[in-house]
C-alpha cells in the first residue's frame, strides 16, 4: 500500500495473514441478529413512542451521569497514566507484530493518516462553539463571563475535552487490537481482546454480549456525528443561501450523505476514499492557515501560551472534577458527553490505528498517538475559538449570543467576520461533508465486520444494512429531540463500553506480561517516534 491517506482500505487489510481460530468469512451469528434486532426495535420505539423515548433516555442520562459520571473521569485518567507508564517502561520496546517487523508508513504519513481519520466533524462543530460558549458561561463558575479570565478558562477546558483523555481511549484500543491481532494471532473482535482474562469464554455468550455492546457504542457514536454533521451543513447552507434550519432539511442531508457513504463502503473504492481523506486534510490545513493569517495572530499566540499553561497547571483537578456540589447539567452537556463520544468511537479508531501501526514499537505508538494529535487539536481550537473570542471581546461581535441560540451556527458566524466569508463558508461545508462521508464509511465497515464474526470482507448486504440503519437511527433521533437526543443516547449507550475498555486495558497488560518477551534497554528520547 502506498503512502497515502486512506480511511477505509486499511481496515479491510487489517490482518496480514489469517489469524488462528479463523471462521468462514461473513458468517452471521447471534451478534448480528441481536444487534440488528435491537436496532430495529430502537428505531420503531423512536418513531412510534417518541415522547416515551425522550423520557426514558433523559431519566437514564440523569441516572448514568449522576451515579457513574465519576467513572468516565477515573477510567480515562487511569488509562492515560497506564499509557505514560508503559511508554517509558521496558515494554515500550516491544513491536506491534513480529520482532522483525518495521513500520509500513513513514512517521509523517502515519501521523497524517491518524489526523485525517479522526479530525472529523467535531473540529467544525465545536472548534468555535465550545470556546465561545465557555466564554459566555465559564466552566464551574471559575471566572466572570466575558472577562480575560473566562477566555483562558474557555480554551483550557476545550483542550481538556479534546486532548489527552480522548486520545488515551483511542490509543489503548489501538494497542490492544494491534497486539492481539499481529502478535497473538486472534480475530479482530473486541471480545478477543479479553482472552487473557476470560479465556475460551470469549467465544460464548459473555463474548457475544461484549461484541453487541461494542456494536451499539459504535452505532450511536456514528449517529451522533451524522446528526452534528447535518446540523453544521444546514447552518452553513442557511448562512450562504438562506435554506431554513429545519428537521426536513437535516433529514434530506442525512439521507443524501448516507447514500454516498453506504455506496462507498459497499464498493470499497480505495482511490475514492484516499481522495476524500487527502482533500479533507488539504482543505482543513488551508482554512487553518487562512484564519491564522487574517485573524488576530498576536492575540491568538498569547492566548495559546497562557491557556496551555493554565491547562497544564490545572490538569489533575480538571481530570477529577466531579459533581458533588452541583454542575451536573454542565458536565452532561460538555465533559461527560465528550468522554462518552470518545468511548463510542474507540472500536472504530482502534481498528484503524492498529491497521496503520503494524511494526511500530509500543513507545513510538503511544507518543505519536497521544502528543501530536492533541497538539494539533489545541492549535485548531485556539486559532478558530480564539478568533471568535477576540471578535466578541474587542470588536462588538455577537458570536456567543448566536451560539447560545444555536450552537451549530458558531463556526459560520465567526467566518462572517473575516474576509472572503462566502468562500471560507463553502470550504467549511465541504469539509464537514468530506469528514461526514469518510468517517461514516469506515464506521459502517467496522460495524459490518464486528457483526460478521470479525470477517475482513463483510457481505455487501451487511454493509448496506448497517449503512441504512446508521442513517435511519440518526434521522429518528433528530426528530426525537435533535442534539439533546443524540447526546443523551450516546452517553447512556457508552457506559457499558466504558467498563469494557477498562477491563481490556487490564487484559492487555496481562497479555504483555504473559507474552514474557525479553526487551532491551529503553529507547533514547530522541527515538521516541519510529521512522
Protein backbone atom coordinates (compact mmCIF):
# COMPACT_ATOMS: atom_id res chain seq x y z
CA UNK A 1 0.00 0.00 0.00
CA UNK A 2 1.33 3.42 -0.93
CA UNK A 3 1.98 6.26 1.48
CA UNK A 4 -1.46 7.80 1.02
CA UNK A 5 -4.24 8.87 3.34
CA UNK A 6 -6.87 6.14 3.23
CA UNK A 7 -9.52 5.63 5.89
CA UNK A 8 -11.27 2.51 4.66
CA UNK A 9 -8.95 0.33 2.62
CA UNK A 10 -6.52 -0.15 5.56
CA UNK A 11 -9.38 -1.57 7.63
CA UNK A 12 -10.07 -4.25 5.09
CA UNK A 13 -6.42 -5.28 5.20
CA UNK A 14 -6.00 -5.32 8.97
CA UNK A 15 -4.59 -8.82 9.24
CA UNK A 16 -1.67 -9.66 7.02
CA UNK A 17 -2.40 -13.36 7.40
CA UNK A 18 -5.43 -15.38 8.53
CA UNK A 19 -5.48 -15.42 12.34
CA UNK A 20 -5.90 -18.51 14.43
CA UNK A 21 -9.42 -19.76 15.08
CA UNK A 22 -10.42 -18.30 11.69
CA UNK A 23 -14.08 -18.56 10.77
CA UNK A 24 -15.84 -18.58 7.40
CA UNK A 25 -15.83 -15.04 6.01
CA UNK A 26 -19.09 -13.26 6.52
CA UNK A 27 -20.72 -15.77 8.88
CA UNK A 28 -23.73 -14.18 10.51
CA UNK A 29 -24.35 -15.32 14.05
CA UNK A 30 -26.11 -14.21 17.19
CA UNK A 31 -24.15 -10.93 17.44
CA UNK A 32 -25.51 -9.85 14.05
CA UNK A 33 -29.11 -10.86 14.64
CA UNK A 34 -29.19 -9.48 18.18
CA UNK A 35 -27.66 -6.16 17.13
CA UNK A 36 -29.92 -5.72 14.12
CA UNK A 37 -32.99 -6.78 16.10
CA UNK A 38 -32.36 -4.35 18.95
CA UNK A 39 -31.54 -1.57 16.47
CA UNK A 40 -34.84 -2.17 14.67
CA UNK A 41 -36.73 -2.11 17.97
CA UNK A 42 -34.99 1.15 18.92
CA UNK A 43 -35.93 2.77 15.61
CA UNK A 44 -39.55 1.63 15.99
CA UNK A 45 -39.60 2.94 19.55
CA UNK A 46 -38.30 6.33 18.42
CA UNK A 47 -40.87 6.56 15.63
CA UNK A 48 -43.96 5.25 17.44
CA UNK A 49 -43.33 6.39 21.01
CA UNK A 50 -41.16 9.48 20.67
CA UNK A 51 -42.22 11.13 23.92
CA UNK A 52 -41.63 7.93 25.85
CA UNK A 53 -38.18 7.57 24.27
CA UNK A 54 -37.26 11.09 25.35
CA UNK A 55 -38.48 10.48 28.90
CA UNK A 56 -36.60 7.20 29.21
CA UNK A 57 -33.34 8.48 27.71
CA UNK A 58 -33.45 11.65 29.83
CA UNK A 59 -34.08 9.66 33.00
CA UNK A 60 -31.35 7.19 32.01
CA UNK A 61 -28.96 10.06 31.32
CA UNK A 62 -29.56 11.58 34.73
CA UNK A 63 -29.06 8.23 36.43
CA UNK A 64 -25.94 7.31 34.45
CA UNK A 65 -24.21 10.66 34.91
CA UNK A 66 -25.42 11.21 38.46
CA UNK A 67 -24.37 7.75 39.62
CA UNK A 68 -21.45 6.89 37.34
CA UNK A 69 -20.21 10.16 35.83
CA UNK A 70 -17.14 9.92 38.02
CA UNK A 71 -16.34 6.60 36.33
CA UNK A 72 -15.70 8.34 32.99
CA UNK A 73 -13.17 10.59 34.71
CA UNK A 74 -11.41 7.88 36.70
CA UNK A 75 -11.22 5.32 33.88
CA UNK A 76 -9.90 7.73 31.25
CA UNK A 77 -7.33 9.22 33.64
CA UNK A 78 -6.28 5.72 34.69
CA UNK A 79 -5.79 4.71 31.06
CA UNK A 80 -3.71 7.82 30.41
CA UNK A 81 -1.47 7.13 33.40
CA UNK A 82 -1.09 3.50 32.29
CA UNK A 83 -0.04 4.53 28.79
CA UNK A 84 2.54 7.02 30.05
CA UNK A 85 3.97 4.34 32.36
CA UNK A 86 4.00 1.82 29.50
CA UNK A 87 5.75 4.21 27.11
CA UNK A 88 8.67 4.72 29.49
CA UNK A 89 8.89 1.12 30.69
CA UNK A 90 10.95 -1.63 29.04
CA UNK A 91 7.70 -2.91 27.48
CA UNK A 92 7.78 0.18 25.28
CA UNK A 93 10.40 -1.52 23.08
CA UNK A 94 8.02 -4.33 22.05
CA UNK A 95 6.85 -4.11 18.45
CA UNK A 96 3.25 -4.40 17.32
CA UNK A 97 3.90 -7.51 15.31
CA UNK A 98 6.91 -9.76 14.96
CA UNK A 99 10.23 -8.54 16.32
CA UNK A 100 11.46 -8.24 12.75
CA UNK A 101 8.50 -6.11 11.57
CA UNK A 102 9.07 -2.46 10.82
CA UNK A 103 6.57 0.39 10.24
CA UNK A 104 4.76 0.25 6.91
CA UNK A 105 4.37 4.03 6.70
CA UNK A 106 6.76 6.89 7.27
CA UNK A 107 6.08 8.75 10.51
CA UNK A 108 4.82 11.91 8.80
CA UNK A 109 2.42 9.88 6.66
CA UNK A 110 1.32 7.84 9.66
CA UNK A 111 0.51 10.95 11.68
CA UNK A 112 -1.34 12.49 8.74
CA UNK A 113 -3.45 9.34 8.39
CA UNK A 114 -4.36 9.47 12.09
CA UNK A 115 -5.44 13.09 11.86
CA UNK A 116 -7.34 12.52 8.63
CA UNK A 117 -9.32 9.65 10.12
CA UNK A 118 -10.18 11.23 13.45
CA UNK A 119 -10.23 15.03 12.99
CA UNK A 120 -13.77 14.84 11.72
CA UNK A 121 -16.89 16.86 12.12
CA UNK A 122 -16.14 17.82 15.73
CA UNK A 123 -13.48 20.34 14.72
CA UNK A 124 -16.04 22.35 12.78
CA UNK A 125 -18.93 21.66 15.16
CA UNK A 126 -17.01 22.58 18.32
CA UNK A 127 -13.87 24.44 17.15
CA UNK A 128 -15.66 27.72 17.84
CA UNK A 129 -18.79 26.60 19.66
CA UNK A 130 -17.08 25.23 22.76
CA UNK A 131 -14.64 28.08 23.49
CA UNK A 132 -17.21 30.80 22.79
CA UNK A 133 -19.83 29.02 24.93
CA UNK A 134 -17.36 28.77 27.81
CA UNK A 135 -16.53 32.47 27.42
CA UNK A 136 -20.21 33.33 27.95
CA UNK A 137 -20.70 30.76 30.71
CA UNK A 138 -17.32 29.83 32.26
CA UNK A 139 -16.99 26.21 33.45
CA UNK A 140 -17.84 25.63 37.11
CA UNK A 141 -18.08 29.38 37.73
CA UNK A 142 -14.29 29.76 37.60
CA UNK A 143 -14.46 33.26 36.09
CA UNK A 144 -16.83 36.11 35.33
CA UNK A 145 -18.47 35.80 31.89
CA UNK A 146 -16.79 37.70 29.08
CA UNK A 147 -13.61 38.51 31.01
CA UNK A 148 -9.99 37.71 30.08
CA UNK A 149 -10.01 35.04 32.80
CA UNK A 150 -13.08 33.50 31.16
CA UNK A 151 -11.28 33.44 27.80
CA UNK A 152 -8.38 31.47 29.27
CA UNK A 153 -10.73 29.07 31.08
CA UNK A 154 -12.66 28.62 27.82
CA UNK A 155 -9.55 27.43 26.00
CA UNK A 156 -8.33 25.41 28.97
CA UNK A 157 -11.49 23.29 29.10
CA UNK A 158 -11.60 22.95 25.32
CA UNK A 159 -8.10 21.50 25.50
CA UNK A 160 -9.24 19.11 28.19
CA UNK A 161 -12.27 17.87 26.24
CA UNK A 162 -10.33 17.35 23.01
CA UNK A 163 -6.89 16.38 24.25
CA UNK A 164 -5.05 13.61 26.04
CA UNK A 165 -8.06 11.83 27.55
CA UNK A 166 -9.69 11.32 24.16
CA UNK A 167 -6.51 10.08 22.55
CA UNK A 168 -5.76 7.80 25.51
CA UNK A 169 -9.02 5.93 24.80
CA UNK A 170 -8.10 5.57 21.13
CA UNK A 171 -4.50 4.62 21.92
CA UNK A 172 -5.25 1.83 24.37
CA UNK A 173 -7.81 0.37 21.96
CA UNK A 174 -5.38 0.56 19.05
CA UNK A 175 -2.58 -1.02 21.08
CA UNK A 176 -4.78 -3.84 22.34
CA UNK A 177 -6.12 -4.65 18.87
CA UNK A 178 -2.71 -4.46 17.18
CA UNK A 179 -1.08 -6.61 19.86
CA UNK A 180 -3.91 -9.14 19.88
CA UNK A 181 -4.04 -9.41 16.08
CA UNK A 182 -0.44 -9.06 14.93
CA UNK A 183 1.38 -10.63 17.86
CA UNK A 184 -1.11 -13.11 19.29
CA UNK A 185 -2.95 -14.06 16.09
CA UNK A 186 -6.51 -13.52 17.29
CA UNK A 187 -9.60 -12.40 15.40
CA UNK A 188 -10.48 -8.72 15.10
CA UNK A 189 -13.27 -8.61 17.66
CA UNK A 190 -13.50 -6.65 20.89
CA UNK A 191 -14.28 -9.85 22.77
CA UNK A 192 -10.98 -11.37 21.61
CA UNK A 193 -9.08 -8.63 23.44
CA UNK A 194 -10.29 -10.17 26.71
CA UNK A 195 -8.90 -13.66 26.11
CA UNK A 196 -6.16 -13.16 28.76
CA UNK A 197 -8.89 -12.60 31.40
CA UNK A 198 -11.80 -14.72 30.18
CA UNK A 199 -10.10 -17.48 28.21
CA UNK A 200 -12.42 -19.57 25.99
CA UNK A 201 -15.45 -17.85 27.49
CA UNK A 202 -14.97 -15.04 24.98
CA UNK A 203 -16.31 -17.49 22.37
CA UNK A 204 -19.51 -17.98 24.35
CA UNK A 205 -22.42 -15.79 25.50
CA UNK A 206 -20.17 -13.40 27.50
CA UNK A 207 -18.02 -12.65 24.48
CA UNK A 208 -21.03 -12.16 22.24
CA UNK A 209 -22.57 -9.75 24.75
CA UNK A 210 -19.32 -7.76 24.77
CA UNK A 211 -19.38 -7.54 20.97
CA UNK A 212 -23.02 -6.40 20.99
CA UNK A 213 -22.11 -3.59 23.41
CA UNK A 214 -19.26 -2.64 21.08
CA UNK A 215 -21.68 -2.51 18.14
CA UNK A 216 -24.10 -0.20 19.92
CA UNK A 217 -21.41 2.13 21.22
CA UNK A 218 -20.06 2.44 17.66
CA UNK A 219 -23.54 2.85 16.15
CA UNK A 220 -24.56 5.70 18.45
CA UNK A 221 -21.18 7.37 18.15
CA UNK A 222 -21.64 7.40 14.38
CA UNK A 223 -25.22 8.65 14.55
CA UNK A 224 -24.10 11.50 16.81
CA UNK A 225 -21.52 12.53 14.24
CA UNK A 226 -24.10 12.26 11.47
CA UNK A 227 -26.53 14.44 13.40
CA UNK A 228 -23.88 17.06 14.16
CA UNK A 229 -22.75 17.00 10.54
CA UNK A 230 -26.29 17.56 9.29
CA UNK A 231 -26.76 20.48 11.68
CA UNK A 232 -23.47 22.02 10.55
CA UNK A 233 -24.22 21.65 6.84
CA UNK A 234 -27.74 23.02 7.35
CA UNK A 235 -26.39 26.08 9.21
CA UNK A 236 -23.78 26.62 6.51
CA UNK A 237 -26.40 26.46 3.76
CA UNK A 238 -28.55 28.90 5.74
CA UNK A 239 -25.70 31.40 6.04
CA UNK A 240 -24.98 31.15 2.31
CA UNK A 241 -28.34 30.62 0.65
CA UNK A 242 -30.95 31.15 3.34
CA UNK A 243 -32.02 27.49 3.33
CA UNK A 244 -34.02 27.16 6.58
CA UNK A 245 -32.60 25.21 9.52
CA UNK A 246 -35.34 22.60 9.90
CA UNK A 247 -35.77 18.91 10.59
CA UNK A 248 -36.73 18.36 6.97
CA UNK A 249 -33.54 19.95 5.66
CA UNK A 250 -31.44 17.87 8.05
CA UNK A 251 -33.20 14.63 7.10
CA UNK A 252 -32.53 15.31 3.41
CA UNK A 253 -28.86 15.97 4.20
CA UNK A 254 -28.53 12.78 6.28
CA UNK A 255 -30.31 10.72 3.59
CA UNK A 256 -28.06 12.03 0.82
CA UNK A 257 -24.85 11.51 2.78
CA UNK A 258 -25.98 8.06 3.97
CA UNK A 259 -26.49 7.01 0.36
CA UNK A 260 -22.99 8.20 -0.55
CA UNK A 261 -21.09 6.63 2.35
CA UNK A 262 -23.02 3.36 2.08
CA UNK A 263 -22.23 3.13 -1.61
CA UNK A 264 -18.60 3.88 -0.86
CA UNK A 265 -18.44 1.20 1.86
CA UNK A 266 -20.01 -1.37 -0.47
CA UNK A 267 -17.81 -0.69 -3.47
CA UNK A 268 -14.67 -0.28 -1.37
CA UNK A 269 -13.21 2.20 -3.80
CA UNK A 270 -9.92 2.89 -2.05
CA UNK A 271 -8.93 5.60 -4.52
CA UNK A 272 -12.14 7.48 -3.79
CA UNK A 273 -11.63 7.27 -0.04
CA UNK A 274 -8.00 8.25 -0.40
CA UNK A 275 -9.07 11.30 -2.44
CA UNK A 276 -11.62 12.28 0.21
CA UNK A 277 -9.07 11.91 3.00
CA UNK A 278 -6.41 13.87 1.19
CA UNK A 279 -8.92 16.51 0.16
CA UNK A 280 -10.21 17.00 3.69
CA UNK A 281 -6.67 17.29 5.06
CA UNK A 282 -5.62 19.89 2.47
CA UNK A 283 -8.83 21.91 2.93
CA UNK A 284 -8.58 21.86 6.73
CA UNK A 285 -4.94 22.96 6.60
CA UNK A 286 -5.76 25.73 4.10
CA UNK A 287 -8.64 27.05 6.21
CA UNK A 288 -6.44 26.94 9.30
CA UNK A 289 -3.59 28.88 7.67
CA UNK A 290 -6.04 31.43 6.25
CA UNK A 291 -7.59 32.12 9.65
CA UNK A 292 -4.17 32.32 11.28
CA UNK A 293 -3.14 34.98 8.77
CA UNK A 294 -6.29 37.12 8.69
CA UNK A 295 -7.20 36.60 12.34
CA UNK A 296 -5.74 38.30 15.43
CA UNK A 297 -2.47 36.39 15.22
CA UNK A 298 -0.65 38.02 18.15
CA UNK A 299 -3.70 37.68 20.39
CA UNK A 300 -4.04 34.01 19.39
CA UNK A 301 -0.38 33.30 20.19
CA UNK A 302 -0.60 34.93 23.62
CA UNK A 303 -3.91 33.22 24.39
CA UNK A 304 -2.40 29.88 23.36
CA UNK A 305 0.58 30.18 25.69
CA UNK A 306 -1.43 31.36 28.69
CA UNK A 307 -4.20 28.79 28.20
CA UNK A 308 -1.72 25.97 27.72
CA UNK A 309 -0.02 26.91 30.98
CA UNK A 310 -3.33 27.01 32.84
CA UNK A 311 -4.36 23.67 31.32
CA UNK A 312 -1.08 22.03 32.36
CA UNK A 313 -1.19 23.51 35.87
CA UNK A 314 -4.82 22.55 36.40
CA UNK A 315 -4.71 19.19 34.62
CA UNK A 316 -5.20 16.86 37.58
CA UNK A 317 -8.02 18.92 39.08
CA UNK A 318 -9.88 19.01 35.77
CA UNK A 319 -9.36 15.27 35.33
CA UNK A 320 -11.17 14.57 38.60
CA UNK A 321 -13.68 17.45 38.63
CA UNK A 322 -16.87 15.84 39.96
CA UNK A 323 -20.40 17.00 40.70
CA UNK A 324 -20.62 16.56 44.47
CA UNK A 325 -21.61 20.21 44.84
CA UNK A 326 -23.53 20.72 41.61
CA UNK A 327 -22.67 21.28 37.99
CA UNK A 328 -24.19 18.03 36.69
CA UNK A 329 -26.05 19.67 33.82
CA UNK A 330 -22.88 21.41 32.60
CA UNK A 331 -20.92 18.15 32.79
CA UNK A 332 -23.68 16.34 30.86
CA UNK A 333 -23.54 18.92 28.10
CA UNK A 334 -19.74 19.04 27.87
CA UNK A 335 -17.26 16.78 29.69
CA UNK A 336 -19.40 13.67 30.13
CA UNK A 337 -20.75 13.93 26.60
CA UNK A 338 -17.28 14.39 25.11
CA UNK A 339 -15.81 11.46 27.03
CA UNK A 340 -18.78 9.27 26.07
CA UNK A 341 -18.36 10.27 22.43
CA UNK A 342 -14.68 9.28 22.50
CA UNK A 343 -15.58 5.96 24.15
CA UNK A 344 -18.16 5.26 21.44
CA UNK A 345 -15.56 5.88 18.73
CA UNK A 346 -12.99 3.65 20.45
CA UNK A 347 -13.62 0.48 18.42
CA UNK A 348 -13.52 2.18 15.02
CA UNK A 349 -10.48 4.35 15.74
CA UNK A 350 -8.73 1.46 17.48
CA UNK A 351 -9.14 -0.80 14.45
CA UNK A 352 -7.86 1.93 12.16
CA UNK A 353 -4.86 2.77 14.37
CA UNK A 354 -3.99 -0.91 14.63
CA UNK A 355 -4.04 -1.34 10.87
CA UNK A 356 -1.68 1.56 10.10
CA UNK A 357 0.68 0.91 13.04
CA UNK A 358 1.97 -2.60 12.44
CA UNK A 359 5.70 -2.76 13.15
CA UNK A 360 5.85 0.29 15.41
CA UNK A 361 7.07 -0.01 18.95
CA UNK A 362 4.60 0.44 21.78
CA UNK A 363 6.54 3.52 22.87
CA UNK A 364 6.51 5.11 19.44
CA UNK A 365 2.81 4.38 19.03
CA UNK A 366 1.85 5.93 22.38
CA UNK A 367 3.92 9.09 21.91
CA UNK A 368 2.68 9.58 18.36
CA UNK A 369 -1.00 8.99 19.14
CA UNK A 370 -1.14 10.98 22.38
CA UNK A 371 1.05 14.00 21.75
CA UNK A 372 0.83 15.04 18.10
CA UNK A 373 -2.96 14.92 17.57
CA UNK A 374 -3.56 16.65 20.92
CA UNK A 375 -1.23 19.48 19.90
CA UNK A 376 -2.99 19.82 16.54
CA UNK A 377 -6.41 19.95 18.20
CA UNK A 378 -5.21 22.53 20.74
CA UNK A 379 -3.88 24.72 17.95
CA UNK A 380 -7.05 24.44 15.85
CA UNK A 381 -9.28 25.36 18.79
CA UNK A 382 -7.06 28.31 19.70
CA UNK A 383 -6.98 29.73 16.18
CA UNK A 384 -10.72 29.48 15.50
CA UNK A 385 -12.05 29.73 19.04
CA UNK A 386 -9.55 32.45 19.89
CA UNK A 387 -10.56 34.46 16.82
CA UNK A 388 -14.22 34.25 17.87
CA UNK A 389 -13.33 35.31 21.41
CA UNK A 390 -11.41 38.32 20.06
CA UNK A 391 -14.38 39.33 17.88
CA UNK A 392 -16.78 39.23 20.84
CA UNK A 393 -14.47 40.85 23.38
CA UNK A 394 -12.89 43.61 21.29
CA UNK A 395 -14.97 44.06 18.13
CA UNK A 396 -18.52 44.09 19.47
CA UNK A 397 -19.39 40.69 17.98
CA UNK A 398 -22.36 38.56 18.98
CA UNK A 399 -20.98 35.09 18.25
CA UNK A 400 -21.62 33.84 21.80
CA UNK A 401 -25.22 35.01 21.59
CA UNK A 402 -25.72 33.21 18.29
CA UNK A 403 -24.07 30.08 19.68
CA UNK A 404 -26.42 30.14 22.68
CA UNK A 405 -29.40 30.23 20.28
CA UNK A 406 -27.94 27.51 18.02
CA UNK A 407 -24.57 26.09 18.89
CA UNK A 408 -24.08 24.86 15.32
CA UNK A 409 -24.11 28.40 13.94
CA UNK A 410 -20.95 29.48 15.79
CA UNK A 411 -18.36 28.44 13.19
CA UNK A 412 -20.11 30.21 10.31
CA UNK A 413 -20.87 33.24 12.45
CA UNK A 414 -17.11 33.55 13.07
CA UNK A 415 -16.17 33.21 9.39
CA UNK A 416 -18.63 36.01 8.59
CA UNK A 417 -16.37 38.48 10.45
CA UNK A 418 -13.35 37.83 8.23
CA UNK A 419 -12.52 38.35 4.53
CA UNK A 420 -13.88 36.01 1.83
CA UNK A 421 -16.61 34.74 4.18
CA UNK A 422 -18.57 33.14 1.34
CA UNK A 423 -15.54 31.20 0.11
CA UNK A 424 -14.49 30.05 3.58
CA UNK A 425 -18.08 29.03 4.41
CA UNK A 426 -18.20 26.90 1.27
CA UNK A 427 -14.89 25.31 2.26
CA UNK A 428 -16.24 24.62 5.77
CA UNK A 429 -19.38 22.96 4.37
CA UNK A 430 -17.29 20.81 2.04
CA UNK A 431 -15.02 19.92 4.95
CA UNK A 432 -17.97 18.73 7.01
CA UNK A 433 -19.27 16.69 4.07
CA UNK A 434 -15.89 15.06 3.48
CA UNK A 435 -15.47 14.24 7.18
CA UNK A 436 -19.09 13.09 7.17
CA UNK A 437 -18.61 10.61 4.33
CA UNK A 438 -15.14 9.23 5.09
CA UNK A 439 -15.82 8.75 8.82
CA UNK A 440 -19.25 7.15 8.43
CA UNK A 441 -17.95 4.98 5.59
CA UNK A 442 -15.22 3.49 7.75
CA UNK A 443 -17.56 3.14 10.74
CA UNK A 444 -20.05 1.23 8.58
CA UNK A 445 -17.29 -1.16 7.60
CA UNK A 446 -16.34 -1.72 11.25
CA UNK A 447 -19.98 -2.35 12.24
CA UNK A 448 -20.30 -4.90 9.44
CA UNK A 449 -17.01 -6.53 10.44
CA UNK A 450 -17.93 -6.76 14.13
CA UNK A 451 -21.29 -8.39 13.30
CA UNK A 452 -19.72 -10.81 10.82
CA UNK A 453 -17.54 -12.56 13.41
CA UNK A 454 -14.52 -10.44 12.55
CA UNK A 455 -14.63 -11.12 8.81
CA UNK A 456 -12.26 -8.86 6.88
CA UNK A 457 -14.60 -8.83 3.86
CA UNK A 458 -18.16 -8.47 5.18
CA UNK A 459 -21.02 -9.30 2.83
CA UNK A 460 -22.29 -6.47 0.68
CA UNK A 461 -25.78 -6.87 2.12
CA UNK A 462 -24.45 -6.46 5.67
CA UNK A 463 -22.60 -3.28 4.72
CA UNK A 464 -25.74 -1.85 3.11
CA UNK A 465 -27.86 -2.81 6.10
CA UNK A 466 -25.58 -1.07 8.61
CA UNK A 467 -25.29 1.99 6.38
CA UNK A 468 -29.07 2.28 6.21
CA UNK A 469 -29.54 1.56 9.92
CA UNK A 470 -26.98 4.22 10.82
CA UNK A 471 -28.72 6.85 8.69
CA UNK A 472 -32.21 5.88 9.89
CA UNK A 473 -31.14 5.94 13.55
CA UNK A 474 -29.65 9.41 13.10
CA UNK A 475 -32.88 10.62 11.47
CA UNK A 476 -35.21 9.30 14.16
CA UNK A 477 -33.04 10.76 16.91
CA UNK A 478 -33.00 14.13 15.16
CA UNK A 479 -36.79 14.08 15.02
CA UNK A 480 -37.00 12.83 18.61
CA UNK A 481 -35.07 15.74 20.09
CA UNK A 482 -32.22 16.94 17.91
CA UNK A 483 -28.82 17.41 19.51
CA UNK A 484 -30.14 16.69 23.01
CA UNK A 485 -31.43 13.27 21.95
CA UNK A 486 -28.13 12.46 20.23
CA UNK A 487 -26.11 13.44 23.30
CA UNK A 488 -28.38 11.62 25.74
CA UNK A 489 -28.26 8.40 23.74
CA UNK A 490 -24.51 8.31 23.20
CA UNK A 491 -23.81 8.87 26.91
CA UNK A 492 -26.21 6.12 28.01
CA UNK A 493 -25.02 3.66 25.32
CA UNK A 494 -21.34 4.25 26.09
CA UNK A 495 -21.42 3.32 29.80
CA UNK A 496 -21.19 -0.48 29.34
CA UNK A 497 -18.47 0.03 26.76
CA UNK A 498 -16.54 2.25 29.16
CA UNK A 499 -16.39 -0.68 31.58
CA UNK A 500 -15.26 -2.95 28.73
CA UNK A 501 -12.44 -0.52 27.86
CA UNK A 502 -11.28 -0.52 31.48
CA UNK A 503 -11.27 -4.32 31.51
CA UNK A 504 -9.49 -4.63 28.15
CA UNK A 505 -6.74 -2.33 29.49
CA UNK A 506 -6.14 -4.80 32.32
CA UNK A 507 -6.36 -7.67 29.83
CA UNK A 508 -3.79 -6.03 27.56
CA UNK A 509 -1.41 -5.58 30.49
CA UNK A 510 -1.83 -9.24 31.39
CA UNK A 511 -1.15 -10.17 27.76
CA UNK A 512 2.09 -8.20 27.82
CA UNK A 513 3.29 -9.93 30.96
CA UNK A 514 2.22 -13.41 29.83
CA UNK A 515 3.93 -12.97 26.48
CA UNK A 516 7.17 -12.98 28.50
CA UNK A 517 9.16 -11.11 25.91
CA UNK A 518 12.64 -10.04 26.93
CA UNK A 519 13.04 -6.43 25.92
CA UNK A 520 16.19 -4.41 25.71
CA UNK A 521 17.05 -1.10 27.31
CA UNK A 522 14.72 1.83 26.88
CA UNK A 523 14.95 3.76 23.63
CA UNK A 524 16.51 7.21 23.96
CA UNK A 525 14.05 10.09 23.94
CA UNK A 526 15.27 11.23 20.53
CA UNK A 527 13.98 7.95 19.07
CA UNK A 528 10.53 8.01 20.65
CA UNK A 529 8.75 8.01 17.29
CA UNK A 530 9.73 5.35 14.77
CA UNK A 531 10.62 6.11 11.18
